[in-house]
PDB file of N, CA and C in Angstrom:
ATOM      1  N   MET A   1     120.808  65.282  78.375  1.00  0.00           N
ATOM      2  CA  MET A   1     121.070  66.599  77.614  1.00  0.00           C
ATOM      3  C   MET A   1     122.553  66.942  78.111  1.00  0.00           C
ATOM      4  N   SER A   2     123.260  67.431  77.285  1.00  0.00           N
ATOM      5  CA  SER A   2     124.465  67.609  78.016  1.00  0.00           C
ATOM      6  C   SER A   2     124.496  69.723  78.254  1.00  0.00           C
ATOM      7  N   LYS A   3     124.977  69.591  79.371  1.00  0.00           N
ATOM      8  CA  LYS A   3     125.082  71.115  79.940  1.00  0.00           C
ATOM      9  C   LYS A   3     126.272  71.639  79.491  1.00  0.00           C
ATOM     10  N   GLN A   4     126.567  73.049  79.044  1.00  0.00           N
ATOM     11  CA  GLN A   4     127.908  73.307  78.755  1.00  0.00           C
ATOM     12  C   GLN A   4     127.915  74.911  78.990  1.00  0.00           C
ATOM     13  N   VAL A   5     128.892  75.421  79.482  1.00  0.00           N
ATOM     14  CA  VAL A   5     129.182  76.800  79.713  1.00  0.00           C
ATOM     15  C   VAL A   5     129.948  77.489  78.534  1.00  0.00           C
ATOM     16  N   VAL A   6     129.296  78.413  78.412  1.00  0.00           N
ATOM     17  CA  VAL A   6     129.954  79.480  76.993  1.00  0.00           C
ATOM     18  C   VAL A   6     130.617  80.396  77.845  1.00  0.00           C
ATOM     19  N   GLY A   7     131.903  80.857  77.249  1.00  0.00           N
ATOM     20  CA  GLY A   7     132.646  82.030  77.572  1.00  0.00           C
ATOM     21  C   GLY A   7     133.736  81.167  78.881  1.00  0.00           C
ATOM     22  N   GLN A   8     134.571  82.276  79.308  1.00  0.00           N
ATOM     23  CA  GLN A   8     135.673  81.645  80.137  1.00  0.00           C
ATOM     24  C   GLN A   8     135.452  82.199  81.485  1.00  0.00           C
ATOM     25  N   ILE A   9     134.824  81.216  82.886  1.00  0.00           N
ATOM     26  CA  ILE A   9     134.424  81.533  84.083  1.00  0.00           C
ATOM     27  C   ILE A   9     135.385  80.900  85.058  1.00  0.00           C
ATOM     28  N   GLU A  10     136.733  80.305  84.255  1.00  0.00           N
ATOM     29  CA  GLU A  10     137.359  79.660  85.854  1.00  0.00           C
ATOM     30  C   GLU A  10     137.769  80.604  86.523  1.00  0.00           C
ATOM     31  N   GLY A  11     137.717  80.696  87.865  1.00  0.00           N
ATOM     32  CA  GLY A  11     138.511  81.576  88.770  1.00  0.00           C
ATOM     33  C   GLY A  11     137.381  83.065  88.770  1.00  0.00           C
ATOM     34  N   ARG A  12     136.581  83.098  88.347  1.00  0.00           N
ATOM     35  CA  ARG A  12     135.437  84.134  88.531  1.00  0.00           C
ATOM     36  C   ARG A  12     134.267  83.886  89.153  1.00  0.00           C
ATOM     37  N   GLU A  13     133.613  84.952  89.944  1.00  0.00           N
ATOM     38  CA  GLU A  13     132.298  84.927  90.476  1.00  0.00           C
ATOM     39  C   GLU A  13     131.157  85.050  89.507  1.00  0.00           C
ATOM     40  N   CYS A  14     130.041  84.282  89.205  1.00  0.00           N
ATOM     41  CA  CYS A  14     129.296  84.084  88.524  1.00  0.00           C
ATOM     42  C   CYS A  14     127.898  84.154  89.052  1.00  0.00           C
ATOM     43  N   VAL A  15     126.895  85.004  88.304  1.00  0.00           N
ATOM     44  CA  VAL A  15     125.808  85.306  88.894  1.00  0.00           C
ATOM     45  C   VAL A  15     124.566  84.719  87.794  1.00  0.00           C
ATOM     46  N   LEU A  16     123.767  83.820  88.578  1.00  0.00           N
ATOM     47  CA  LEU A  16     122.427  83.323  87.764  1.00  0.00           C
ATOM     48  C   LEU A  16     121.361  83.919  88.359  1.00  0.00           C
ATOM     49  N   ILE A  17     120.632  84.322  87.220  1.00  0.00           N
ATOM     50  CA  ILE A  17     119.565  85.073  87.376  1.00  0.00           C
ATOM     51  C   ILE A  17     118.028  84.418  86.992  1.00  0.00           C
ATOM     52  N   ASP A  18     117.182  84.460  87.594  1.00  0.00           N
ATOM     53  CA  ASP A  18     115.854  83.881  87.267  1.00  0.00           C
ATOM     54  C   ASP A  18     114.787  85.091  87.588  1.00  0.00           C
ATOM     55  N   ASP A  19     113.726  84.568  87.031  1.00  0.00           N
ATOM     56  CA  ASP A  19     112.380  85.216  87.428  1.00  0.00           C
ATOM     57  C   ASP A  19     111.580  84.604  88.486  1.00  0.00           C
ATOM     58  N   MET A  20     111.750  83.220  88.688  1.00  0.00           N
ATOM     59  CA  MET A  20     111.094  82.515  89.603  1.00  0.00           C
ATOM     60  C   MET A  20     112.127  81.242  89.646  1.00  0.00           C
ATOM     61  N   ILE A  21     111.932  80.784  90.920  1.00  0.00           N
ATOM     62  CA  ILE A  21     112.514  79.409  91.524  1.00  0.00           C
ATOM     63  C   ILE A  21     111.265  78.501  92.374  1.00  0.00           C
ATOM     64  N   ASP A  22     111.128  77.623  91.622  1.00  0.00           N
ATOM     65  CA  ASP A  22     109.941  76.634  92.100  1.00  0.00           C
ATOM     66  C   ASP A  22     110.616  75.772  92.935  1.00  0.00           C
ATOM     67  N   THR A  23     111.052  74.486  92.554  1.00  0.00           N
ATOM     68  CA  THR A  23     111.472  73.529  92.928  1.00  0.00           C
ATOM     69  C   THR A  23     112.716  73.591  93.266  1.00  0.00           C
ATOM     70  N   GLY A  24     113.755  74.482  92.442  1.00  0.00           N
ATOM     71  CA  GLY A  24     115.414  74.651  92.542  1.00  0.00           C
ATOM     72  C   GLY A  24     116.026  73.639  91.787  1.00  0.00           C
ATOM     73  N   GLY A  25     115.468  72.730  91.036  1.00  0.00           N
ATOM     74  CA  GLY A  25     116.068  71.623  90.540  1.00  0.00           C
ATOM     75  C   GLY A  25     116.910  72.386  89.374  1.00  0.00           C
ATOM     76  N   THR A  26     116.693  72.820  88.533  1.00  0.00           N
ATOM     77  CA  THR A  26     117.128  73.923  87.370  1.00  0.00           C
ATOM     78  C   THR A  26     118.295  74.503  87.762  1.00  0.00           C
ATOM     79  N   ILE A  27     117.945  75.381  88.406  1.00  0.00           N
ATOM     80  CA  ILE A  27     119.144  76.374  88.895  1.00  0.00           C
ATOM     81  C   ILE A  27     120.356  76.070  90.201  1.00  0.00           C
ATOM     82  N   ALA A  28     119.965  74.897  90.964  1.00  0.00           N
ATOM     83  CA  ALA A  28     120.901  74.341  91.560  1.00  0.00           C
ATOM     84  C   ALA A  28     121.581  72.976  90.588  1.00  0.00           C
ATOM     85  N   GLY A  29     121.166  72.478  89.515  1.00  0.00           N
ATOM     86  CA  GLY A  29     122.142  72.250  88.593  1.00  0.00           C
ATOM     87  C   GLY A  29     122.835  73.021  87.795  1.00  0.00           C
ATOM     88  N   ALA A  30     122.390  73.942  87.856  1.00  0.00           N
ATOM     89  CA  ALA A  30     123.307  75.253  87.001  1.00  0.00           C
ATOM     90  C   ALA A  30     124.665  75.581  87.523  1.00  0.00           C
ATOM     91  N   VAL A  31     124.068  75.715  88.830  1.00  0.00           N
ATOM     92  CA  VAL A  31     125.345  76.068  89.988  1.00  0.00           C
ATOM     93  C   VAL A  31     126.430  75.093  89.815  1.00  0.00           C
ATOM     94  N   GLN A  32     125.989  73.784  89.976  1.00  0.00           N
ATOM     95  CA  GLN A  32     127.074  72.568  89.974  1.00  0.00           C
ATOM     96  C   GLN A  32     127.510  72.693  88.022  1.00  0.00           C
ATOM     97  N   VAL A  33     127.291  72.982  87.408  1.00  0.00           N
ATOM     98  CA  VAL A  33     127.758  73.150  85.926  1.00  0.00           C
ATOM     99  C   VAL A  33     128.660  74.231  85.993  1.00  0.00           C
ATOM    100  N   LEU A  34     128.561  75.499  86.675  1.00  0.00           N
ATOM    101  CA  LEU A  34     129.326  76.422  86.921  1.00  0.00           C
ATOM    102  C   LEU A  34     130.378  76.387  87.614  1.00  0.00           C
ATOM    103  N   LYS A  35     130.340  75.406  88.682  1.00  0.00           N
ATOM    104  CA  LYS A  35     131.129  75.079  89.549  1.00  0.00           C
ATOM    105  C   LYS A  35     132.493  73.965  89.262  1.00  0.00           C
ATOM    106  N   ASN A  36     131.645  73.063  88.184  1.00  0.00           N
ATOM    107  CA  ASN A  36     132.641  71.840  87.666  1.00  0.00           C
ATOM    108  C   ASN A  36     133.478  72.656  86.502  1.00  0.00           C
ATOM    109  N   ALA A  37     132.857  73.539  86.295  1.00  0.00           N
ATOM    110  CA  ALA A  37     133.625  74.522  85.011  1.00  0.00           C
ATOM    111  C   ALA A  37     134.986  75.293  85.394  1.00  0.00           C
ATOM    112  N   GLY A  38     134.903  75.574  86.894  1.00  0.00           N
ATOM    113  CA  GLY A  38     135.870  76.181  87.566  1.00  0.00           C
ATOM    114  C   GLY A  38     135.485  77.503  88.129  1.00  0.00           C
ATOM    115  N   ALA A  39     134.211  78.011  88.220  1.00  0.00           N
ATOM    116  CA  ALA A  39     133.656  79.172  89.140  1.00  0.00           C
ATOM    117  C   ALA A  39     134.274  79.192  90.130  1.00  0.00           C
ATOM    118  N   LYS A  40     134.656  80.507  90.580  1.00  0.00           N
ATOM    119  CA  LYS A  40     134.866  80.516  92.015  1.00  0.00           C
ATOM    120  C   LYS A  40     134.233  80.760  92.878  1.00  0.00           C
ATOM    121  N   ASP A  41     133.060  81.165  92.593  1.00  0.00           N
ATOM    122  CA  ASP A  41     131.524  81.484  93.330  1.00  0.00           C
ATOM    123  C   ASP A  41     130.460  81.298  92.647  1.00  0.00           C
ATOM    124  N   VAL A  42     129.272  80.781  92.980  1.00  0.00           N
ATOM    125  CA  VAL A  42     128.231  81.242  92.407  1.00  0.00           C
ATOM    126  C   VAL A  42     127.019  81.818  93.007  1.00  0.00           C
ATOM    127  N   ILE A  43     126.663  82.880  92.501  1.00  0.00           N
ATOM    128  CA  ILE A  43     125.227  83.703  93.640  1.00  0.00           C
ATOM    129  C   ILE A  43     124.110  83.449  92.849  1.00  0.00           C
ATOM    130  N   ILE A  44     123.064  83.107  93.192  1.00  0.00           N
ATOM    131  CA  ILE A  44     121.622  83.051  92.671  1.00  0.00           C
ATOM    132  C   ILE A  44     121.215  84.287  92.988  1.00  0.00           C
ATOM    133  N   ALA A  45     120.132  84.786  91.948  1.00  0.00           N
ATOM    134  CA  ALA A  45     119.442  86.025  92.078  1.00  0.00           C
ATOM    135  C   ALA A  45     117.993  85.597  91.596  1.00  0.00           C
ATOM    136  N   CYS A  46     116.960  85.916  92.260  1.00  0.00           N
ATOM    137  CA  CYS A  46     115.309  85.894  91.563  1.00  0.00           C
ATOM    138  C   CYS A  46     114.654  86.693  92.279  1.00  0.00           C
ATOM    139  N   THR A  47     113.490  86.940  91.238  1.00  0.00           N
ATOM    140  CA  THR A  47     112.350  87.921  91.891  1.00  0.00           C
ATOM    141  C   THR A  47     111.429  87.164  92.717  1.00  0.00           C
ATOM    142  N   HIS A  48     110.816  85.942  92.476  1.00  0.00           N
ATOM    143  CA  HIS A  48     109.903  85.255  92.896  1.00  0.00           C
ATOM    144  C   HIS A  48     110.245  83.648  93.618  1.00  0.00           C
ATOM    145  N   ALA A  49     110.361  83.894  94.715  1.00  0.00           N
ATOM    146  CA  ALA A  49     110.837  83.009  95.700  1.00  0.00           C
ATOM    147  C   ALA A  49     109.665  81.801  95.917  1.00  0.00           C
ATOM    148  N   VAL A  50     109.219  81.014  94.900  1.00  0.00           N
ATOM    149  CA  VAL A  50     108.189  80.301  95.337  1.00  0.00           C
ATOM    150  C   VAL A  50     108.699  78.950  96.180  1.00  0.00           C
ATOM    151  N   PHE A  51     109.812  78.636  96.145  1.00  0.00           N
ATOM    152  CA  PHE A  51     110.377  77.517  97.023  1.00  0.00           C
ATOM    153  C   PHE A  51     109.223  76.389  97.474  1.00  0.00           C
ATOM    154  N   SER A  52     108.647  75.723  96.384  1.00  0.00           N
ATOM    155  CA  SER A  52     107.875  73.913  96.538  1.00  0.00           C
ATOM    156  C   SER A  52     109.226  73.437  97.106  1.00  0.00           C
ATOM    157  N   ASP A  53     108.879  72.381  97.650  1.00  0.00           N
ATOM    158  CA  ASP A  53     109.881  71.399  98.318  1.00  0.00           C
ATOM    159  C   ASP A  53     110.051  70.865  96.960  1.00  0.00           C
ATOM    160  N   PRO A  54     111.337  70.215  96.991  1.00  0.00           N
ATOM    161  CA  PRO A  54     112.486  70.487  97.938  1.00  0.00           C
ATOM    162  C   PRO A  54     113.657  71.386  97.586  1.00  0.00           C
ATOM    163  N   ALA A  55     113.045  72.689  97.538  1.00  0.00           N
ATOM    164  CA  ALA A  55     113.825  73.803  96.916  1.00  0.00           C
ATOM    165  C   ALA A  55     114.927  74.409  98.025  1.00  0.00           C
ATOM    166  N   ALA A  56     114.282  74.688  99.140  1.00  0.00           N
ATOM    167  CA  ALA A  56     115.243  75.254 100.130  1.00  0.00           C
ATOM    168  C   ALA A  56     116.505  74.153 100.178  1.00  0.00           C
ATOM    169  N   ARG A  57     116.229  72.622 100.393  1.00  0.00           N
ATOM    170  CA  ARG A  57     117.053  71.985 100.646  1.00  0.00           C
ATOM    171  C   ARG A  57     118.149  72.067  99.450  1.00  0.00           C
ATOM    172  N   ARG A  58     117.575  72.184  98.023  1.00  0.00           N
ATOM    173  CA  ARG A  58     118.262  72.001  96.877  1.00  0.00           C
ATOM    174  C   ARG A  58     119.216  73.217  96.897  1.00  0.00           C
ATOM    175  N   LEU A  59     118.774  74.243  97.284  1.00  0.00           N
ATOM    176  CA  LEU A  59     119.597  75.857  97.335  1.00  0.00           C
ATOM    177  C   LEU A  59     120.613  75.569  98.129  1.00  0.00           C
ATOM    178  N   ALA A  60     119.908  75.285  99.556  1.00  0.00           N
ATOM    179  CA  ALA A  60     121.191  75.175 100.679  1.00  0.00           C
ATOM    180  C   ALA A  60     122.436  74.341 100.440  1.00  0.00           C
ATOM    181  N   GLU A  61     122.291  73.200  99.643  1.00  0.00           N
ATOM    182  CA  GLU A  61     123.222  72.179  99.269  1.00  0.00           C
ATOM    183  C   GLU A  61     124.007  72.100  97.900  1.00  0.00           C
ATOM    184  N   SER A  62     123.340  73.356  97.148  1.00  0.00           N
ATOM    185  CA  SER A  62     123.780  73.565  95.646  1.00  0.00           C
ATOM    186  C   SER A  62     125.134  73.876  95.669  1.00  0.00           C
ATOM    187  N   GLY A  63     125.896  74.650  96.716  1.00  0.00           N
ATOM    188  CA  GLY A  63     127.125  75.050  96.459  1.00  0.00           C
ATOM    189  C   GLY A  63     127.291  76.810  96.246  1.00  0.00           C
ATOM    190  N   ALA A  64     126.047  77.251  95.873  1.00  0.00           N
ATOM    191  CA  ALA A  64     126.063  78.632  95.938  1.00  0.00           C
ATOM    192  C   ALA A  64     126.190  79.423  96.774  1.00  0.00           C
ATOM    193  N   ARG A  65     127.172  80.468  96.926  1.00  0.00           N
ATOM    194  CA  ARG A  65     127.555  81.424  98.033  1.00  0.00           C
ATOM    195  C   ARG A  65     126.517  81.916  98.692  1.00  0.00           C
ATOM    196  N   GLU A  66     125.465  82.576  97.769  1.00  0.00           N
ATOM    197  CA  GLU A  66     124.451  83.406  98.481  1.00  0.00           C
ATOM    198  C   GLU A  66     122.974  83.137  97.508  1.00  0.00           C
ATOM    199  N   VAL A  67     121.888  83.132  98.029  1.00  0.00           N
ATOM    200  CA  VAL A  67     120.688  83.068  97.110  1.00  0.00           C
ATOM    201  C   VAL A  67     119.928  84.330  97.548  1.00  0.00           C
ATOM    202  N   VAL A  68     119.790  85.425  96.282  1.00  0.00           N
ATOM    203  CA  VAL A  68     119.209  86.558  96.685  1.00  0.00           C
ATOM    204  C   VAL A  68     117.823  86.603  96.227  1.00  0.00           C
ATOM    205  N   VAL A  69     116.677  86.880  97.215  1.00  0.00           N
ATOM    206  CA  VAL A  69     115.344  86.769  96.517  1.00  0.00           C
ATOM    207  C   VAL A  69     114.486  88.186  96.995  1.00  0.00           C
ATOM    208  N   THR A  70     113.524  88.340  96.365  1.00  0.00           N
ATOM    209  CA  THR A  70     112.571  89.371  96.803  1.00  0.00           C
ATOM    210  C   THR A  70     111.555  88.976  97.656  1.00  0.00           C
ATOM    211  N   ASN A  71     110.814  89.713  98.305  1.00  0.00           N
ATOM    212  CA  ASN A  71     109.948  89.212  99.362  1.00  0.00           C
ATOM    213  C   ASN A  71     108.463  89.346  98.823  1.00  0.00           C
ATOM    214  N   THR A  72     108.347  89.369  97.454  1.00  0.00           N
ATOM    215  CA  THR A  72     107.325  89.223  96.594  1.00  0.00           C
ATOM    216  C   THR A  72     106.110  87.940  97.133  1.00  0.00           C
ATOM    217  N   LEU A  73     106.595  86.900  97.595  1.00  0.00           N
ATOM    218  CA  LEU A  73     105.816  86.053  98.080  1.00  0.00           C
ATOM    219  C   LEU A  73     106.576  85.687  99.508  1.00  0.00           C
ATOM    220  N   PRO A  74     105.435  85.291 100.410  1.00  0.00           N
ATOM    221  CA  PRO A  74     106.282  85.037 102.072  1.00  0.00           C
ATOM    222  C   PRO A  74     107.164  83.692 101.622  1.00  0.00           C
ATOM    223  N   ILE A  75     108.193  83.882 102.825  1.00  0.00           N
ATOM    224  CA  ILE A  75     109.084  82.689 102.668  1.00  0.00           C
ATOM    225  C   ILE A  75     109.010  82.192 104.242  1.00  0.00           C
ATOM    226  N   PRO A  76     108.270  81.405 104.320  1.00  0.00           N
ATOM    227  CA  PRO A  76     108.233  80.927 105.758  1.00  0.00           C
ATOM    228  C   PRO A  76     109.595  80.598 106.602  1.00  0.00           C
ATOM    229  N   SER A  77     109.555  80.175 107.864  1.00  0.00           N
ATOM    230  CA  SER A  77     110.775  80.195 108.172  1.00  0.00           C
ATOM    231  C   SER A  77     111.334  78.708 108.099  1.00  0.00           C
ATOM    232  N   GLU A  78     110.896  77.477 107.987  1.00  0.00           N
ATOM    233  CA  GLU A  78     110.992  76.699 107.549  1.00  0.00           C
ATOM    234  C   GLU A  78     111.489  76.412 106.336  1.00  0.00           C
ATOM    235  N   LYS A  79     111.741  77.407 105.201  1.00  0.00           N
ATOM    236  CA  LYS A  79     111.718  77.457 103.902  1.00  0.00           C
ATOM    237  C   LYS A  79     113.163  78.346 103.794  1.00  0.00           C
ATOM    238  N   GLN A  80     113.813  78.855 105.072  1.00  0.00           N
ATOM    239  CA  GLN A  80     115.062  79.659 104.926  1.00  0.00           C
ATOM    240  C   GLN A  80     115.979  78.352 105.186  1.00  0.00           C
ATOM    241  N   PHE A  81     117.147  79.273 104.846  1.00  0.00           N
ATOM    242  CA  PHE A  81     118.597  78.655 104.955  1.00  0.00           C
ATOM    243  C   PHE A  81     119.680  80.048 104.910  1.00  0.00           C
ATOM    244  N   PRO A  82     120.717  79.565 105.353  1.00  0.00           N
ATOM    245  CA  PRO A  82     122.057  80.409 105.844  1.00  0.00           C
ATOM    246  C   PRO A  82     122.149  81.144 104.543  1.00  0.00           C
ATOM    247  N   GLN A  83     122.412  80.624 103.465  1.00  0.00           N
ATOM    248  CA  GLN A  83     122.725  81.683 102.274  1.00  0.00           C
ATOM    249  C   GLN A  83     121.828  82.502 101.470  1.00  0.00           C
ATOM    250  N   LEU A  84     120.504  82.382 102.308  1.00  0.00           N
ATOM    251  CA  LEU A  84     119.463  83.035 101.647  1.00  0.00           C
ATOM    252  C   LEU A  84     119.331  84.643 102.164  1.00  0.00           C
ATOM    253  N   THR A  85     119.147  85.464 100.955  1.00  0.00           N
ATOM    254  CA  THR A  85     119.107  87.015 101.372  1.00  0.00           C
ATOM    255  C   THR A  85     117.862  87.361 100.932  1.00  0.00           C
ATOM    256  N   VAL A  86     116.777  87.988 101.809  1.00  0.00           N
ATOM    257  CA  VAL A  86     115.684  88.467 101.001  1.00  0.00           C
ATOM    258  C   VAL A  86     115.435  89.885 101.207  1.00  0.00           C
ATOM    259  N   LEU A  87     115.305  90.458  99.968  1.00  0.00           N
ATOM    260  CA  LEU A  87     115.100  91.990  99.882  1.00  0.00           C
ATOM    261  C   LEU A  87     113.761  92.336  99.919  1.00  0.00           C
ATOM    262  N   SER A  88     113.545  93.200 100.239  1.00  0.00           N
ATOM    263  CA  SER A  88     112.061  94.129 100.630  1.00  0.00           C
ATOM    264  C   SER A  88     111.796  94.872  99.283  1.00  0.00           C
ATOM    265  N   ILE A  89     110.470  94.535  98.738  1.00  0.00           N
ATOM    266  CA  ILE A  89     109.971  95.277  97.695  1.00  0.00           C
ATOM    267  C   ILE A  89     109.162  96.640  98.125  1.00  0.00           C
ATOM    268  N   ALA A  90     109.035  96.693  99.401  1.00  0.00           N
ATOM    269  CA  ALA A  90     108.547  98.093  99.999  1.00  0.00           C
ATOM    270  C   ALA A  90     108.530  99.185  99.740  1.00  0.00           C
ATOM    271  N   PRO A  91     109.945  99.514  99.760  1.00  0.00           N
ATOM    272  CA  PRO A  91     110.302 100.889  99.147  1.00  0.00           C
ATOM    273  C   PRO A  91     110.068 101.212  97.491  1.00  0.00           C
ATOM    274  N   LEU A  92     110.140 100.044  97.069  1.00  0.00           N
ATOM    275  CA  LEU A  92     109.615 100.463  95.566  1.00  0.00           C
ATOM    276  C   LEU A  92     107.899 100.428  95.303  1.00  0.00           C
ATOM    277  N   ILE A  93     107.144  99.463  96.040  1.00  0.00           N
ATOM    278  CA  ILE A  93     105.977  99.775  95.729  1.00  0.00           C
ATOM    279  C   ILE A  93     105.710 101.217  96.873  1.00  0.00           C
ATOM    280  N   ALA A  94     106.097 101.694  97.767  1.00  0.00           N
ATOM    281  CA  ALA A  94     105.757 103.183  98.327  1.00  0.00           C
ATOM    282  C   ALA A  94     106.222 103.903  97.137  1.00  0.00           C
ATOM    283  N   ARG A  95     107.270 103.785  96.459  1.00  0.00           N
ATOM    284  CA  ARG A  95     107.617 104.704  95.623  1.00  0.00           C
ATOM    285  C   ARG A  95     106.362 104.885  94.189  1.00  0.00           C
ATOM    286  N   ALA A  96     106.069 104.071  94.109  1.00  0.00           N
ATOM    287  CA  ALA A  96     104.729 103.508  93.028  1.00  0.00           C
ATOM    288  C   ALA A  96     103.145 104.496  93.605  1.00  0.00           C
ATOM    289  N   ILE A  97     103.041 104.081  94.779  1.00  0.00           N
ATOM    290  CA  ILE A  97     102.121 104.597  95.610  1.00  0.00           C
ATOM    291  C   ILE A  97     102.157 106.058  95.088  1.00  0.00           C
ATOM    292  N   ARG A  98     103.281 106.530  95.778  1.00  0.00           N
ATOM    293  CA  ARG A  98     103.466 107.875  95.676  1.00  0.00           C
ATOM    294  C   ARG A  98     103.294 108.411  94.575  1.00  0.00           C
ATOM    295  N   GLU A  99     104.332 108.046  93.616  1.00  0.00           N
ATOM    296  CA  GLU A  99     104.024 108.623  92.069  1.00  0.00           C
ATOM    297  C   GLU A  99     102.808 108.850  91.819  1.00  0.00           C
ATOM    298  N   VAL A 100     101.548 107.637  91.901  1.00  0.00           N
ATOM    299  CA  VAL A 100     100.338 107.679  91.470  1.00  0.00           C
ATOM    300  C   VAL A 100      99.602 108.434  91.948  1.00  0.00           C
ATOM    301  N   PHE A 101      99.661 108.871  93.466  1.00  0.00           N
ATOM    302  CA  PHE A 101      98.894 109.882  94.369  1.00  0.00           C
ATOM    303  C   PHE A 101      99.365 111.266  93.725  1.00  0.00           C
ATOM    304  N   ASP A 102     100.663 111.601  93.443  1.00  0.00           N
ATOM    305  CA  ASP A 102     101.291 112.622  92.928  1.00  0.00           C
ATOM    306  C   ASP A 102     101.097 113.088  91.390  1.00  0.00           C
ATOM    307  N   ASP A 103     100.305 112.106  90.884  1.00  0.00           N
ATOM    308  CA  ASP A 103     100.052 112.253  89.468  1.00  0.00           C
ATOM    309  C   ASP A 103     101.424 112.270  88.800  1.00  0.00           C
ATOM    310  N   GLY A 104     102.361 111.632  89.202  1.00  0.00           N
ATOM    311  CA  GLY A 104     103.876 111.709  88.435  1.00  0.00           C
ATOM    312  C   GLY A 104     103.850 110.081  87.713  1.00  0.00           C
ATOM    313  N   SER A 105     105.040 109.628  87.503  1.00  0.00           N
ATOM    314  CA  SER A 105     105.056 108.713  86.347  1.00  0.00           C
ATOM    315  C   SER A 105     105.573 107.431  87.145  1.00  0.00           C
ATOM    316  N   VAL A 106     104.961 106.195  87.315  1.00  0.00           N
ATOM    317  CA  VAL A 106     105.418 104.831  87.854  1.00  0.00           C
ATOM    318  C   VAL A 106     106.465 104.494  86.975  1.00  0.00           C
ATOM    319  N   THR A 107     105.991 105.012  85.461  1.00  0.00           N
ATOM    320  CA  THR A 107     107.312 104.143  84.743  1.00  0.00           C
ATOM    321  C   THR A 107     108.716 104.923  84.872  1.00  0.00           C
ATOM    322  N   SER A 108     108.865 106.060  85.674  1.00  0.00           N
ATOM    323  CA  SER A 108     109.947 106.527  86.019  1.00  0.00           C
ATOM    324  C   SER A 108     110.898 105.545  87.003  1.00  0.00           C
ATOM    325  N   LEU A 109     110.506 104.999  87.517  1.00  0.00           N
ATOM    326  CA  LEU A 109     110.895 103.700  88.925  1.00  0.00           C
ATOM    327  C   LEU A 109     111.800 102.919  88.111  1.00  0.00           C
ATOM    328  N   PHE A 110     111.692 102.703  86.720  1.00  0.00           N
ATOM    329  CA  PHE A 110     112.267 101.974  86.032  1.00  0.00           C
ATOM    330  C   PHE A 110     113.087 102.297  85.040  1.00  0.00           C
ATOM    331  N   ASP A 111     113.802 103.577  84.946  1.00  0.00           N
ATOM    332  CA  ASP A 111     114.473 104.250  84.204  1.00  0.00           C
ATOM    333  C   ASP A 111     116.056 104.079  84.822  1.00  0.00           C
ATOM    334  N   GLY A 112     116.417 103.292  85.620  1.00  0.00           N
ATOM    335  CA  GLY A 112     117.276 103.126  86.190  1.00  0.00           C
ATOM    336  C   GLY A 112     117.956 104.339  87.082  1.00  0.00           C
ATOM    337  N   LYS A 113     117.010 105.160  87.475  1.00  0.00           N
ATOM    338  CA  LYS A 113     117.329 106.143  88.365  1.00  0.00           C
ATOM    339  C   LYS A 113     116.577 106.056  89.589  1.00  0.00           C
ATOM    340  N   ALA A 114     115.715 105.027  89.916  1.00  0.00           N
ATOM    341  CA  ALA A 114     114.777 104.713  91.040  1.00  0.00           C
ATOM    342  C   ALA A 114     115.862 104.659  92.349  1.00  0.00           C
TER     343      ALA A 114
END
């Protein structure tokens, strides 16, 4: 199957967004497609870092400048690598709990003002 990039990306920073990374094969391949098409840098962002083997190695070697994930799943030290940035969801969960106890709106957390 041929992979193609739609749009002008040469010399630009590109962001790949996914909900979950398991083995990392698809997203690492997408990084290479973008780099081969002339992307200046590629950043990967995902919500759930499952990181089944060999995901950490694939991502570390993918050529992505940074891999940003949340801590919805624990990431053991052996699956961490230099380009990895882990963002905590604790503030979001804390605000959701506060809204519930204050009889507020959990939905308000997702209206762009959270």
